[in-house]
Amino acid sequence: MSGHVLATRGGDVELRGANPYLEWGVTAPPPPGSVGGSIGGLHVTTESATQIAAVYGCCGLLADSVASLPLRALDAPAHIVTSKEIKTPPLLENPYELISLTDWLVCFIWSLALRGNFFGQVIERDGLGYPTQIMPVSADIVRPDVKANGEVHWRYAGKLIPDEDVFHVRYQSMPGWLLGINPIQAMKYPFGLAHVLDVHAESYFANSADPQGVLEAKGKLTEDSGKKLAAQWKSAHQGPNLGSTPAVLDEETKFNPISINPEDQQLLQSRQYSAEEISGLIFRIPPHMLGLTERSTSFGRGIEQQERGFVANTLSGYLCRLERALTACLPKGTYVNFDISHRIRGAELERAQTGSLEMLGGFFTADEVRGKYFDMPALPNGEGKFLNIPINTELLQKALEELKKLEAEPDEPPPPQIIEAEPPSGQGLPQSPAK
């Protein structure tokens, strides 16, 4: 289906699989069960990828991180200091009434992280025509419909969807591509090798017989007797429950042990490297968040710096795409924003020190510091609405003006000092000390 299959439907000519030399390239889906091809005899699919612990952990961490952020609407872009929070539109309160907002956001992140695309269908609008309900749709059932004249439409499970009802967000993409880059296809080797390692580890421990070695018989064994001897050994020692049972041999059979363990096969190291590769290179997640604490990380020295790096370098890519896509569905002047302030602010002592310096320096009022760093209400009677002025800080121009005023004033003699005499003690004049 790569190129030139034409079909007629109602007199219209459409391309089922676009010519690879046209603007949008090949749009034919991969065959079922081979989304990422085959690695080591195992198919690389979305299901096989989610069976990898590192992949599941990364996608779950990304989804939880985004779904736990407060979602709000602003009257201006978030980078504008004067932007204010406004009433939350229905679309942001519950994008799809059959599931919660949290579930909707989780679906968005999982689809974007594993399939490179998120598709939704607008199923409800308000009186002005703005979407109020967007139903998540599996990216696996969505196909672009490219006409011979170059027009592009979308089919959900074979059904043609009106263009205005298609909600599509791509993660990574290339010029001229209708769909975002599919991580399962682009990263099929890391995902496939990780899956092969997991399957190999499972078969290793399931099939191992401890003690391991070779059963050597004195006489020549027939095919049936050899199979029978191997079957008896497996039934007595195979599997995790029987692997450590003692071996009992007759005088005609000898056991020659072969010392091979997972460490010698570098099985554990390979799986560790695979997990670090997937988490660090593909999903860009600090290793300590997945429990990989054996090596140092370049995300930052402390936990706070690593958290800031995670938000800035990983979460921001998902958040900005969703914010812009949802903003495009709302009336002009309404901007969607995820509040990340709680994730990037420092420890309580650091916040207290920073807030104290900002308040004493006259940058923020006490009410602003309380709300910004500690989520505390304003002080009563408006006491926290005034700025402080440092007593040891003054504008140079003002200081020069005050100096000129002092120089222009005439010199006046200092007032006379009045020294009060001590009251009499009642005992007469003081006597001179005895010599």
Protein backbone atom coordinates (compact mmCIF):
# COMPACT_ATOMS: atom_id res chain seq x y z
CA MET A 1 0.00 0.00 0.00
CA SER A 2 2.89 2.33 -0.49
CA GLY A 3 1.96 4.17 -3.53
CA HIS A 4 -0.57 4.20 -6.26
CA VAL A 5 -3.70 2.32 -5.24
CA LEU A 6 -6.69 4.31 -6.48
CA ALA A 7 -10.25 3.76 -5.32
CA THR A 8 -13.49 5.34 -6.46
CA ARG A 9 -16.09 6.32 -3.90
CA GLY A 10 -19.05 8.36 -5.10
CA GLY A 11 -17.16 9.50 -8.18
CA ASP A 12 -14.22 10.87 -6.15
CA VAL A 13 -10.75 9.52 -6.68
CA GLU A 14 -8.66 9.07 -3.56
CA LEU A 15 -5.23 7.73 -2.80
CA ARG A 16 -5.35 4.92 -0.23
CA GLY A 17 -1.57 4.97 0.11
CA ALA A 18 0.00 8.22 -0.95
CA ASN A 19 2.73 8.39 -3.53
CA PRO A 20 5.98 8.74 -1.54
CA TYR A 21 7.05 11.54 -3.88
CA LEU A 22 4.01 13.68 -3.10
CA GLU A 23 3.99 16.40 -0.45
CA TRP A 24 2.83 14.23 2.44
CA GLY A 25 4.91 11.14 1.68
CA VAL A 26 3.86 7.60 2.56
CA THR A 27 0.69 7.48 4.68
CA ALA A 28 0.02 3.74 4.58
CA PRO A 29 -0.05 2.18 8.07
CA PRO A 30 2.35 -0.65 8.94
CA PRO A 31 0.98 -4.20 8.95
CA PRO A 32 -0.73 -5.29 12.19
CA GLY A 33 1.64 -6.67 14.79
CA SER A 34 4.75 -5.12 13.24
CA VAL A 35 4.58 -1.47 14.21
CA GLY A 36 8.29 -1.43 14.93
CA GLY A 37 9.34 -4.53 13.03
CA SER A 38 10.95 -7.58 14.59
CA ILE A 39 14.02 -7.64 16.85
CA GLY A 40 15.48 -10.97 17.89
CA GLY A 41 12.43 -12.78 16.59
CA LEU A 42 10.04 -10.70 18.71
CA HIS A 43 7.70 -8.07 17.32
CA VAL A 44 8.10 -4.52 18.58
CA THR A 45 4.62 -3.15 19.25
CA THR A 46 2.96 -0.74 21.63
CA GLU A 47 1.99 -3.67 23.85
CA SER A 48 5.52 -5.10 23.96
CA ALA A 49 6.96 -1.66 24.72
CA THR A 50 4.65 -1.13 27.69
CA GLN A 51 5.80 -4.47 29.11
CA ILE A 52 9.28 -2.98 29.60
CA ALA A 53 9.62 -1.67 33.14
CA ALA A 54 11.57 1.44 32.12
CA VAL A 55 9.00 2.39 29.46
CA TYR A 56 6.04 1.89 31.77
CA GLY A 57 7.79 3.79 34.55
CA CYS A 58 8.70 6.73 32.30
CA CYS A 59 5.25 7.06 30.73
CA GLY A 60 3.56 6.70 34.11
CA LEU A 61 5.81 9.33 35.65
CA LEU A 62 5.19 11.77 32.80
CA ALA A 63 1.43 11.21 32.94
CA ASP A 64 1.25 11.63 36.72
CA SER A 65 3.43 14.74 36.62
CA VAL A 66 1.20 16.46 34.06
CA ALA A 67 -2.14 15.26 35.45
CA SER A 68 -1.29 16.52 38.95
CA LEU A 69 -0.61 20.11 37.82
CA PRO A 70 -3.35 22.72 38.33
CA LEU A 71 -4.96 23.59 34.97
CA ARG A 72 -6.21 27.15 34.68
CA ALA A 73 -7.31 29.81 32.19
CA LEU A 74 -5.62 33.23 31.96
CA ASP A 75 -6.60 36.49 30.27
CA ALA A 76 -3.10 36.80 28.76
CA PRO A 77 -0.14 34.50 28.06
CA ALA A 78 1.52 33.24 31.23
CA HIS A 79 4.82 34.99 30.50
CA ILE A 80 3.10 38.37 30.79
CA VAL A 81 3.41 39.56 34.38
CA THR A 82 0.00 41.22 34.44
CA SER A 83 -1.89 38.08 33.34
CA LYS A 84 -4.71 37.10 35.67
CA GLU A 85 -6.65 33.91 36.23
CA ILE A 86 -10.20 33.92 34.86
CA LYS A 87 -13.18 31.59 35.09
CA THR A 88 -12.34 28.07 33.93
CA PRO A 89 -14.09 27.16 30.65
CA PRO A 90 -16.13 23.91 30.55
CA LEU A 91 -13.56 22.32 28.24
CA LEU A 92 -10.88 22.59 30.93
CA GLU A 93 -13.13 21.44 33.76
CA ASN A 94 -14.06 18.15 32.09
CA PRO A 95 -12.84 17.64 28.50
CA TYR A 96 -14.77 14.35 28.14
CA GLU A 97 -17.65 13.67 30.48
CA LEU A 98 -17.24 9.87 30.47
CA ILE A 99 -13.84 10.12 32.16
CA SER A 100 -12.25 12.56 34.60
CA LEU A 101 -9.88 15.38 33.69
CA THR A 102 -7.04 13.35 35.21
CA ASP A 103 -7.80 10.36 32.98
CA TRP A 104 -8.03 12.60 29.92
CA LEU A 105 -4.60 14.08 30.60
CA VAL A 106 -3.13 10.61 31.25
CA CYS A 107 -4.48 9.42 27.88
CA PHE A 108 -2.94 12.46 26.21
CA ILE A 109 0.55 11.88 27.66
CA TRP A 110 0.61 8.11 27.05
CA SER A 111 -0.49 8.54 23.43
CA LEU A 112 1.98 11.35 22.80
CA ALA A 113 4.89 9.55 24.49
CA LEU A 114 4.37 6.11 22.92
CA ARG A 115 2.68 6.87 19.58
CA GLY A 116 3.96 10.38 18.86
CA ASN A 117 0.39 11.60 18.23
CA PHE A 118 -2.75 12.35 20.16
CA PHE A 119 -6.07 12.35 18.38
CA GLY A 120 -9.41 13.52 19.68
CA GLN A 121 -12.83 14.13 18.20
CA VAL A 122 -14.90 17.18 19.06
CA ILE A 123 -18.33 15.79 19.94
CA GLU A 124 -19.93 18.82 21.58
CA ARG A 125 -19.81 22.61 21.15
CA ASP A 126 -21.29 25.63 22.90
CA GLY A 127 -23.62 28.20 21.40
CA LEU A 128 -20.70 30.07 19.82
CA GLY A 129 -19.26 26.94 18.22
CA TYR A 130 -16.33 26.45 20.58
CA PRO A 131 -15.55 22.84 21.65
CA THR A 132 -16.73 21.75 25.09
CA GLN A 133 -16.16 17.98 24.74
CA ILE A 134 -13.20 16.23 23.06
CA MET A 135 -13.28 12.44 23.01
CA PRO A 136 -9.82 10.76 23.06
CA VAL A 137 -9.27 8.42 20.11
CA SER A 138 -6.63 5.72 19.79
CA ALA A 139 -3.90 6.78 17.38
CA ASP A 140 -3.83 3.23 15.98
CA ILE A 141 -7.26 3.60 14.33
CA VAL A 142 -6.61 7.01 12.74
CA ARG A 143 -5.50 7.23 9.13
CA PRO A 144 -4.92 10.26 6.90
CA ASP A 145 -7.04 10.38 3.75
CA VAL A 146 -5.03 12.10 1.02
CA LYS A 147 -6.99 13.01 -2.11
CA ALA A 148 -5.51 13.15 -5.59
CA ASN A 149 -5.68 16.96 -5.52
CA GLY A 150 -3.58 17.06 -2.36
CA GLU A 151 -6.40 17.66 0.14
CA VAL A 152 -5.97 15.91 3.46
CA HIS A 153 -8.78 14.52 5.58
CA TRP A 154 -8.87 12.07 8.46
CA ARG A 155 -10.60 8.76 9.02
CA TYR A 156 -11.28 7.35 12.49
CA ALA A 157 -11.76 3.57 12.23
CA GLY A 158 -12.54 4.03 8.55
CA LYS A 159 -15.10 6.80 9.13
CA LEU A 160 -14.41 10.19 7.56
CA ILE A 161 -14.37 12.88 10.27
CA PRO A 162 -15.10 16.57 9.51
CA ASP A 163 -11.91 18.56 9.55
CA GLU A 164 -13.19 20.98 12.19
CA ASP A 165 -13.85 18.06 14.58
CA VAL A 166 -10.31 16.67 14.39
CA PHE A 167 -8.13 17.45 17.41
CA HIS A 168 -4.56 16.41 16.55
CA VAL A 169 -1.37 17.09 18.53
CA ARG A 170 2.02 15.84 17.36
CA TYR A 171 5.07 15.38 19.55
CA GLN A 172 8.16 15.19 17.32
CA SER A 173 7.64 15.63 13.59
CA MET A 174 9.43 16.16 10.29
CA PRO A 175 8.67 18.62 7.47
CA GLY A 176 6.05 17.20 5.13
CA TRP A 177 4.86 14.53 7.56
CA LEU A 178 1.19 14.38 8.46
CA LEU A 179 1.82 12.22 11.51
CA GLY A 180 4.27 12.72 14.33
CA ILE A 181 7.31 10.47 14.60
CA ASN A 182 6.25 7.15 16.08
CA PRO A 183 8.68 6.30 18.94
CA ILE A 184 7.93 2.60 18.55
CA GLN A 185 9.23 2.74 14.98
CA ALA A 186 12.02 5.28 15.48
CA MET A 187 13.36 3.60 18.64
CA LYS A 188 12.57 0.01 17.70
CA TYR A 189 16.08 -1.23 18.48
CA PRO A 190 16.30 0.05 22.10
CA PHE A 191 12.72 -1.04 22.79
CA GLY A 192 13.17 -4.35 20.98
CA LEU A 193 16.46 -5.18 22.70
CA ALA A 194 15.01 -4.33 26.10
CA HIS A 195 12.07 -6.63 25.41
CA VAL A 196 14.38 -9.41 24.22
CA LEU A 197 16.46 -9.06 27.40
CA ASP A 198 13.35 -9.34 29.56
CA VAL A 199 12.16 -12.43 27.70
CA HIS A 200 15.65 -13.95 27.87
CA ALA A 201 15.87 -13.30 31.61
CA GLU A 202 12.47 -14.90 32.13
CA SER A 203 13.38 -17.99 30.11
CA TYR A 204 16.79 -18.18 31.82
CA PHE A 205 15.33 -18.41 35.30
CA ALA A 206 12.38 -20.53 34.17
CA ASN A 207 14.51 -23.13 32.38
CA SER A 208 17.60 -23.16 34.56
CA ALA A 209 18.35 -26.33 36.56
CA ASP A 210 20.62 -25.75 39.53
CA PRO A 211 23.10 -27.46 39.70
CA GLN A 212 23.82 -26.72 36.02
CA GLY A 213 25.96 -28.90 33.88
CA VAL A 214 26.04 -31.92 31.61
CA LEU A 215 24.70 -35.41 32.39
CA GLU A 216 27.30 -37.94 31.20
CA ALA A 217 26.35 -41.62 30.92
CA LYS A 218 28.92 -44.43 30.73
CA GLY A 219 27.08 -46.35 28.10
CA LYS A 220 25.67 -45.20 24.79
CA LEU A 221 22.16 -43.76 25.11
CA THR A 222 19.49 -44.25 22.55
CA GLU A 223 17.35 -41.33 21.46
CA ASP A 224 14.46 -42.42 23.66
CA SER A 225 16.63 -43.07 26.72
CA GLY A 226 18.35 -39.68 26.31
CA LYS A 227 15.03 -37.87 26.14
CA LYS A 228 13.79 -39.82 29.14
CA LEU A 229 16.87 -38.92 31.19
CA ALA A 230 16.55 -35.22 30.26
CA ALA A 231 12.85 -35.24 31.11
CA GLN A 232 13.50 -36.78 34.50
CA TRP A 233 16.17 -34.15 35.24
CA LYS A 234 13.85 -31.29 34.22
CA SER A 235 10.95 -32.59 36.28
CA ALA A 236 13.20 -32.78 39.35
CA HIS A 237 15.17 -29.51 39.02
CA GLN A 238 13.59 -27.11 36.53
CA GLY A 239 11.97 -23.87 37.64
CA PRO A 240 12.38 -21.51 40.59
CA ASN A 241 10.68 -23.90 43.04
CA LEU A 242 12.83 -26.95 42.20
CA GLY A 243 16.07 -25.29 41.13
CA SER A 244 17.86 -25.88 44.44
CA THR A 245 16.77 -29.45 45.10
CA PRO A 246 19.60 -31.99 45.48
CA ALA A 247 20.47 -34.25 42.56
CA VAL A 248 20.43 -38.04 42.96
CA LEU A 249 22.28 -40.02 40.29
CA ASP A 250 22.97 -43.72 39.81
CA GLU A 251 26.40 -45.21 39.25
CA GLU A 252 25.99 -45.17 35.50
CA THR A 253 25.48 -41.37 35.26
CA LYS A 254 27.89 -38.55 36.06
CA PHE A 255 27.15 -34.84 36.44
CA ASN A 256 29.68 -32.37 35.08
CA PRO A 257 28.83 -28.85 36.39
CA ILE A 258 29.19 -25.78 34.21
CA SER A 259 29.47 -22.54 36.13
CA ILE A 260 27.38 -19.95 34.28
CA ASN A 261 25.41 -17.33 36.16
CA PRO A 262 23.57 -14.16 35.20
CA GLU A 263 26.59 -12.06 36.20
CA ASP A 264 28.85 -14.00 33.79
CA GLN A 265 26.34 -13.56 30.99
CA GLN A 266 26.23 -9.79 31.75
CA LEU A 267 22.46 -10.15 31.88
CA LEU A 268 21.97 -7.82 34.80
CA GLN A 269 24.32 -5.17 33.40
CA SER A 270 22.60 -5.31 30.03
CA ARG A 271 19.19 -4.79 31.56
CA GLN A 272 20.54 -1.93 33.70
CA TYR A 273 22.05 -0.24 30.66
CA SER A 274 18.83 -0.72 28.71
CA ALA A 275 16.78 0.93 31.46
CA GLU A 276 19.18 3.89 31.65
CA GLU A 277 19.17 4.28 27.87
CA ILE A 278 15.38 4.33 27.66
CA SER A 279 14.86 6.67 30.60
CA GLY A 280 17.70 9.08 29.89
CA LEU A 281 18.04 9.19 26.10
CA ILE A 282 14.49 8.57 24.93
CA PHE A 283 12.22 9.98 27.66
CA ARG A 284 14.75 12.40 29.25
CA ILE A 285 13.86 11.52 32.83
CA PRO A 286 16.37 11.80 35.71
CA PRO A 287 17.40 8.25 36.67
CA HIS A 288 16.71 8.75 40.37
CA MET A 289 13.01 9.20 39.58
CA LEU A 290 12.91 5.61 38.34
CA GLY A 291 15.01 4.21 41.15
CA LEU A 292 18.23 4.09 39.10
CA THR A 293 20.60 5.46 41.73
CA GLU A 294 23.84 3.62 40.97
CA ARG A 295 25.29 6.31 38.72
CA SER A 296 25.48 10.07 38.99
CA THR A 297 23.24 12.23 36.85
CA SER A 298 23.86 15.34 34.77
CA PHE A 299 20.38 16.74 35.50
CA GLY A 300 21.74 18.67 38.49
CA ARG A 301 23.51 18.25 41.81
CA GLY A 302 20.65 18.34 44.27
CA ILE A 303 17.11 17.03 44.06
CA GLU A 304 15.81 20.57 43.58
CA GLN A 305 18.06 21.21 40.57
CA GLN A 306 17.15 17.84 39.08
CA GLU A 307 13.48 18.65 39.56
CA ARG A 308 13.91 21.97 37.80
CA GLY A 309 15.78 20.26 34.99
CA PHE A 310 13.01 17.68 34.64
CA VAL A 311 10.35 20.40 34.42
CA ALA A 312 12.35 22.62 32.05
CA ASN A 313 13.74 19.96 29.72
CA THR A 314 11.11 17.22 29.79
CA LEU A 315 7.70 18.33 31.02
CA SER A 316 7.78 21.66 29.19
CA GLY A 317 7.67 19.91 25.80
CA TYR A 318 4.42 18.15 26.64
CA LEU A 319 2.89 21.10 28.49
CA CYS A 320 3.47 23.71 25.79
CA ARG A 321 1.94 21.49 23.09
CA LEU A 322 -1.19 20.82 25.14
CA GLU A 323 -1.53 24.45 26.25
CA ARG A 324 -1.37 25.74 22.69
CA ALA A 325 -3.70 23.08 21.32
CA LEU A 326 -6.36 23.73 23.97
CA THR A 327 -5.93 27.50 23.67
CA ALA A 328 -6.78 27.22 19.98
CA CYS A 329 -10.12 25.63 20.98
CA LEU A 330 -11.16 28.52 23.26
CA PRO A 331 -12.40 32.06 22.51
CA LYS A 332 -9.85 34.71 21.69
CA GLY A 333 -8.32 36.22 24.80
CA THR A 334 -8.42 32.98 26.80
CA TYR A 335 -5.12 31.19 27.36
CA VAL A 336 -4.60 27.73 28.87
CA ASN A 337 -1.81 27.34 31.40
CA PHE A 338 -0.44 24.63 33.69
CA ASP A 339 0.73 26.07 37.01
CA ILE A 340 4.22 24.63 37.62
CA SER A 341 5.16 26.99 40.46
CA HIS A 342 4.82 24.30 43.13
CA ARG A 343 7.15 21.95 41.26
CA ILE A 344 10.02 24.37 40.78
CA ARG A 345 10.03 26.28 44.06
CA GLY A 346 12.74 25.46 46.58
CA ALA A 347 12.70 24.05 50.09
CA GLU A 348 10.92 25.86 52.90
CA LEU A 349 14.09 27.45 54.30
CA GLU A 350 15.18 28.66 50.87
CA ARG A 351 11.73 30.11 50.20
CA ALA A 352 11.78 31.89 53.55
CA GLN A 353 15.20 33.40 52.85
CA THR A 354 14.26 34.46 49.33
CA GLY A 355 10.95 35.93 50.44
CA SER A 356 12.65 37.84 53.25
CA LEU A 357 15.17 39.40 50.87
CA GLU A 358 12.46 40.30 48.35
CA MET A 359 10.31 41.92 51.02
CA LEU A 360 13.14 43.83 52.76
CA GLY A 361 14.50 44.95 49.41
CA GLY A 362 11.18 46.49 48.48
CA PHE A 363 10.52 44.18 45.52
CA PHE A 364 7.38 42.50 46.88
CA THR A 365 4.89 43.21 49.62
CA ALA A 366 4.39 40.88 52.56
CA ASP A 367 1.09 39.64 51.11
CA GLU A 368 2.77 38.80 47.80
CA VAL A 369 5.55 36.85 49.53
CA ARG A 370 3.06 34.94 51.69
CA GLY A 371 0.98 33.92 48.72
CA LYS A 372 3.86 33.24 46.33
CA TYR A 373 5.99 31.01 48.54
CA PHE A 374 3.74 29.68 51.30
CA ASP A 375 0.14 29.78 49.96
CA MET A 376 -0.84 31.86 52.98
CA PRO A 377 -3.64 34.46 53.07
CA ALA A 378 -3.03 38.20 53.20
CA LEU A 379 -2.41 39.96 56.51
CA PRO A 380 -5.47 41.50 58.20
CA ASN A 381 -6.38 45.18 57.91
CA GLY A 382 -4.28 45.57 54.77
CA GLU A 383 -1.02 45.54 56.71
CA GLY A 384 0.74 43.46 54.04
CA LYS A 385 -0.05 45.68 51.03
CA PHE A 386 2.77 48.19 51.54
CA LEU A 387 6.33 47.99 50.23
CA ASN A 388 9.29 48.30 52.56
CA ILE A 389 12.14 50.73 51.88
CA PRO A 390 15.63 49.73 53.04
CA ILE A 391 17.04 52.32 55.49
CA ASN A 392 20.58 51.83 54.19
CA THR A 393 19.66 52.35 50.54
CA GLU A 394 19.04 55.73 48.90
CA LEU A 395 19.08 57.12 45.38
CA LEU A 396 22.34 58.93 44.59
CA GLN A 397 20.53 61.92 43.07
CA LYS A 398 18.41 62.33 46.18
CA ALA A 399 21.49 62.13 48.41
CA LEU A 400 23.23 64.88 46.40
CA GLU A 401 20.20 67.14 46.63
CA GLU A 402 20.09 66.74 50.41
CA LEU A 403 23.82 67.54 50.60
CA LYS A 404 23.35 70.75 48.60
CA LYS A 405 20.56 71.85 50.94
CA LEU A 406 22.81 71.37 53.97
CA GLU A 407 25.64 73.34 52.35
CA ALA A 408 23.34 76.24 51.51
CA GLU A 409 22.10 76.66 55.08
CA PRO A 410 24.04 79.33 57.22
CA ASP A 411 26.28 78.12 59.96
CA GLU A 412 24.75 78.64 63.41
CA PRO A 413 26.58 78.28 66.73
CA PRO A 414 25.58 75.24 68.65
CA PRO A 415 23.15 75.86 71.50
CA PRO A 416 24.74 76.26 74.96
CA GLN A 417 24.88 73.18 77.06
CA ILE A 418 23.19 73.37 80.44
CA ILE A 419 24.74 71.22 83.10
CA GLU A 420 22.56 70.52 86.05
CA ALA A 421 24.26 70.47 89.49
CA GLU A 422 23.87 67.47 91.67
CA PRO A 423 21.35 67.91 94.45
CA PRO A 424 22.82 68.47 97.98
CA SER A 425 23.25 65.38 100.01
CA GLY A 426 22.32 67.13 103.30
CA GLN A 427 25.69 66.44 104.83
CA GLY A 428 27.46 69.71 103.93
CA LEU A 429 30.36 70.13 101.58
CA PRO A 430 32.23 67.09 100.55
CA GLN A 431 35.33 66.53 102.56
CA SER A 432 38.72 66.14 100.97
CA PRO A 433 40.07 62.70 101.11
CA ALA A 434 42.29 61.85 104.08
CA LYS A 435 45.94 62.03 103.53
